[in-house]
Amino acid sequence: MRYDAQHKQRTREKVVAATAKAIRRHGPESIGIASLMGQVGLTHGGFYAHFSSKDDLLREAILWMFDESYALLLEALQDLPPPQRLVALVERYLSPEHCEQRDMGCPMAALSGDLPRMTQTVRAAFLEGAKRSLNRLASLLEEAGYADTQALALSIQSEMLGAVALARAMPDTAFAQTVLTSCRDQIVHRLQLRDVPAP
């Protein structure tokens, strides 16, 4: 049976979305092509009709993760004024829910520990996605009236990413919550957002 170009594109997107979910849950090194293709109802042999290599698939899936994460964030923040957007972003990123739901959260937090062992192609995709995320955070900061927004975005993102990574590693739930709360309070204080009402 012959399929049109739209069917092929939809199939490709299904594979990429399934891969993104698997990467978040198990890490990029654990991806098996045969198993993954089986999950979306395709054969291992059909893989090369859509992707030139496993790295090609991983690259697409990582960029998909960043775009999906941004779309969800945009939906949550779009009706808020700039200062409240920042408060909402910090609250959301440093929440126990984000910490617990690795398969739905920030790709930087999900992948940063795995990437040093991956190929240059996969790491380049991560870098591209990370730069997009930092630029989006810098834009939010600029809208709220801050200066030197690229450096500020890098500092805030790094602090939040480190807090989530540390909290996820903690076997003590109470201490993990202290890590998230402390980081959130320090960022809110640094950005002088204490008097901005929570969304």
Protein backbone atom coordinates (compact mmCIF):
# COMPACT_ATOMS: atom_id res chain seq x y z
CA MET A 1 0.00 0.00 0.00
CA ARG A 2 1.30 3.45 -0.91
CA TYR A 3 0.98 6.31 1.57
CA ASP A 4 0.97 10.03 0.92
CA ALA A 5 3.57 12.49 2.25
CA GLN A 6 1.29 13.58 5.09
CA HIS A 7 0.97 10.01 6.35
CA LYS A 8 4.74 9.65 6.30
CA GLN A 9 5.13 12.92 8.23
CA ARG A 10 2.53 11.85 10.82
CA THR A 11 4.29 8.52 11.26
CA ARG A 12 7.64 10.27 11.68
CA GLU A 13 6.13 12.56 14.33
CA LYS A 14 4.69 9.56 16.20
CA VAL A 15 8.13 7.95 16.31
CA VAL A 16 9.78 11.20 17.45
CA ALA A 17 7.17 11.77 20.19
CA ALA A 18 7.53 8.18 21.44
CA THR A 19 11.31 8.56 21.45
CA ALA A 20 11.11 11.82 23.39
CA LYS A 21 9.00 10.15 26.06
CA ALA A 22 11.38 7.17 26.25
CA ILE A 23 14.42 9.47 26.52
CA ARG A 24 12.86 11.34 29.41
CA ARG A 25 12.00 8.14 31.25
CA HIS A 26 15.10 6.05 30.61
CA GLY A 27 17.79 8.31 29.10
CA PRO A 28 19.03 8.42 25.51
CA GLU A 29 21.47 5.52 25.87
CA SER A 30 18.61 3.09 26.64
CA ILE A 31 16.73 3.67 23.39
CA GLY A 32 16.31 0.48 21.34
CA ILE A 33 15.12 0.98 17.77
CA ALA A 34 13.22 -2.33 17.47
CA SER A 35 11.37 -1.81 20.74
CA LEU A 36 10.60 1.81 19.93
CA MET A 37 9.26 1.04 16.46
CA GLY A 38 7.14 -1.74 17.93
CA GLN A 39 5.55 0.73 20.35
CA VAL A 40 4.18 2.76 17.43
CA GLY A 41 3.13 -0.28 15.41
CA LEU A 42 6.02 -0.31 12.94
CA THR A 43 8.77 -2.77 12.10
CA HIS A 44 12.46 -2.26 12.73
CA GLY A 45 13.02 -2.25 8.98
CA GLY A 46 10.67 0.71 8.58
CA PHE A 47 12.94 2.89 10.68
CA TYR A 48 15.21 3.85 7.78
CA ALA A 49 12.30 5.13 5.73
CA HIS A 50 12.12 7.98 8.26
CA PHE A 51 15.59 8.44 9.77
CA SER A 52 19.14 8.03 8.51
CA SER A 53 20.49 6.80 11.86
CA LYS A 54 19.74 6.49 15.56
CA ASP A 55 21.54 9.81 16.11
CA ASP A 56 19.23 11.43 13.57
CA LEU A 57 16.22 10.20 15.58
CA LEU A 58 17.72 11.28 18.91
CA ARG A 59 18.47 14.73 17.50
CA GLU A 60 14.86 15.15 16.33
CA ALA A 61 13.46 13.83 19.61
CA ILE A 62 15.55 16.19 21.75
CA LEU A 63 14.49 19.22 19.73
CA TRP A 64 10.90 17.98 19.96
CA MET A 65 11.24 17.84 23.75
CA PHE A 66 12.34 21.46 23.93
CA ASP A 67 9.53 22.62 21.63
CA GLU A 68 6.91 20.60 23.53
CA SER A 69 8.14 21.92 26.88
CA TYR A 70 8.02 25.51 25.58
CA ALA A 71 4.49 25.06 24.18
CA LEU A 72 3.23 23.83 27.56
CA LEU A 73 4.96 26.69 29.36
CA LEU A 74 3.58 29.26 26.92
CA GLU A 75 0.08 27.94 27.46
CA ALA A 76 0.47 28.30 31.23
CA LEU A 77 1.97 31.83 31.10
CA GLN A 78 0.30 33.53 28.14
CA ASP A 79 -2.43 35.43 30.03
CA LEU A 80 -0.16 36.74 32.79
CA PRO A 81 1.62 40.12 32.95
CA PRO A 82 5.45 39.96 32.70
CA PRO A 83 6.36 39.96 36.43
CA GLN A 84 3.77 37.28 37.18
CA ARG A 85 5.08 35.21 34.28
CA LEU A 86 8.46 35.09 35.96
CA VAL A 87 6.96 34.14 39.32
CA ALA A 88 4.87 31.42 37.64
CA LEU A 89 7.86 30.08 35.72
CA VAL A 90 10.03 29.85 38.85
CA GLU A 91 7.19 28.29 40.88
CA ARG A 92 6.45 25.77 38.14
CA TYR A 93 10.08 24.81 37.51
CA LEU A 94 10.90 24.40 41.20
CA SER A 95 7.73 22.52 42.11
CA PRO A 96 7.64 18.97 43.51
CA GLU A 97 5.49 18.02 40.49
CA HIS A 98 8.20 19.01 38.03
CA CYS A 99 10.76 17.22 40.13
CA GLU A 100 8.72 14.01 40.18
CA GLN A 101 7.58 14.03 36.55
CA ARG A 102 10.85 13.62 34.67
CA ASP A 103 8.98 12.35 31.59
CA MET A 104 7.05 15.65 31.23
CA GLY A 105 9.48 18.28 32.44
CA CYS A 106 12.35 20.44 31.24
CA PRO A 107 14.66 18.61 28.82
CA MET A 108 17.70 20.28 30.35
CA ALA A 109 16.89 18.83 33.76
CA ALA A 110 16.06 15.43 32.27
CA LEU A 111 19.12 15.10 30.03
CA SER A 112 22.01 17.10 31.43
CA GLY A 113 23.48 14.11 33.27
CA ASP A 114 23.30 11.85 30.19
CA LEU A 115 24.64 14.15 27.49
CA PRO A 116 28.40 13.99 28.20
CA ARG A 117 28.33 10.33 27.08
CA MET A 118 26.40 11.01 23.86
CA THR A 119 27.66 11.77 20.35
CA GLN A 120 28.48 15.22 19.09
CA THR A 121 25.33 15.24 16.92
CA VAL A 122 23.07 14.57 19.91
CA ARG A 123 24.92 17.06 22.09
CA ALA A 124 24.61 19.71 19.36
CA ALA A 125 20.82 19.22 19.36
CA PHE A 126 20.77 19.64 23.14
CA LEU A 127 22.84 22.83 22.84
CA GLU A 128 20.44 24.21 20.21
CA GLY A 129 17.44 23.47 22.43
CA ALA A 130 19.12 24.88 25.54
CA LYS A 131 19.97 28.12 23.73
CA ARG A 132 16.35 28.44 22.61
CA SER A 133 15.17 28.01 26.20
CA LEU A 134 17.65 30.56 27.50
CA ASN A 135 16.61 33.06 24.84
CA ARG A 136 12.96 32.60 25.81
CA LEU A 137 13.77 33.19 29.48
CA ALA A 138 15.83 36.25 28.52
CA SER A 139 12.82 37.59 26.59
CA LEU A 140 10.60 37.17 29.66
CA LEU A 141 13.17 39.04 31.75
CA GLU A 142 13.39 41.81 29.16
CA GLU A 143 9.60 42.16 29.10
CA ALA A 144 9.69 42.55 32.89
CA GLY A 145 12.25 45.36 32.62
CA TYR A 146 15.50 43.68 33.64
CA ALA A 147 18.92 44.56 32.16
CA ASP A 148 21.65 42.21 30.90
CA THR A 149 19.01 39.58 30.34
CA GLN A 150 21.16 36.94 28.61
CA ALA A 151 23.56 36.68 31.54
CA LEU A 152 20.68 36.82 34.04
CA ALA A 153 18.78 34.09 32.18
CA LEU A 154 21.85 31.85 32.16
CA SER A 155 22.37 32.36 35.89
CA ILE A 156 18.73 31.71 36.82
CA GLN A 157 18.37 28.69 34.53
CA SER A 158 21.58 27.17 35.88
CA GLU A 159 20.45 27.67 39.46
CA MET A 160 17.02 26.13 38.83
CA LEU A 161 18.50 23.24 36.85
CA GLY A 162 20.98 22.48 39.63
CA ALA A 163 18.24 22.58 42.26
CA VAL A 164 16.04 20.14 40.35
CA ALA A 165 18.96 17.78 39.69
CA LEU A 166 19.93 17.83 43.38
CA ALA A 167 16.35 17.41 44.59
CA ARG A 168 15.83 14.44 42.26
CA ALA A 169 18.95 12.78 43.62
CA MET A 170 17.86 13.11 47.26
CA PRO A 171 16.35 10.03 48.95
CA ASP A 172 14.95 12.35 51.65
CA THR A 173 11.75 13.95 50.32
CA ALA A 174 11.72 16.67 52.98
CA PHE A 175 15.28 17.73 52.15
CA ALA A 176 14.50 17.66 48.42
CA GLN A 177 11.63 20.08 49.09
CA THR A 178 13.98 22.31 51.11
CA VAL A 179 16.34 22.46 48.11
CA LEU A 180 13.52 23.53 45.78
CA THR A 181 12.05 26.05 48.22
CA SER A 182 15.40 27.61 49.07
CA CYS A 183 16.29 28.05 45.40
CA ARG A 184 12.87 29.52 44.61
CA ASP A 185 13.07 32.00 47.49
CA GLN A 186 16.56 33.13 46.51
CA ILE A 187 15.59 33.73 42.88
CA VAL A 188 12.43 35.59 43.85
CA HIS A 189 14.49 37.73 46.25
CA ARG A 190 17.22 38.40 43.67
CA LEU A 191 14.66 39.45 41.06
CA GLN A 192 12.79 41.55 43.66
CA LEU A 193 9.56 39.67 42.98
CA ARG A 194 8.48 39.15 46.59
CA ASP A 195 5.57 41.57 46.28
CA VAL A 196 4.35 40.18 42.96
CA PRO A 197 1.18 38.13 43.63
CA ALA A 198 1.41 34.46 42.74
CA PRO A 199 -0.67 33.59 39.66
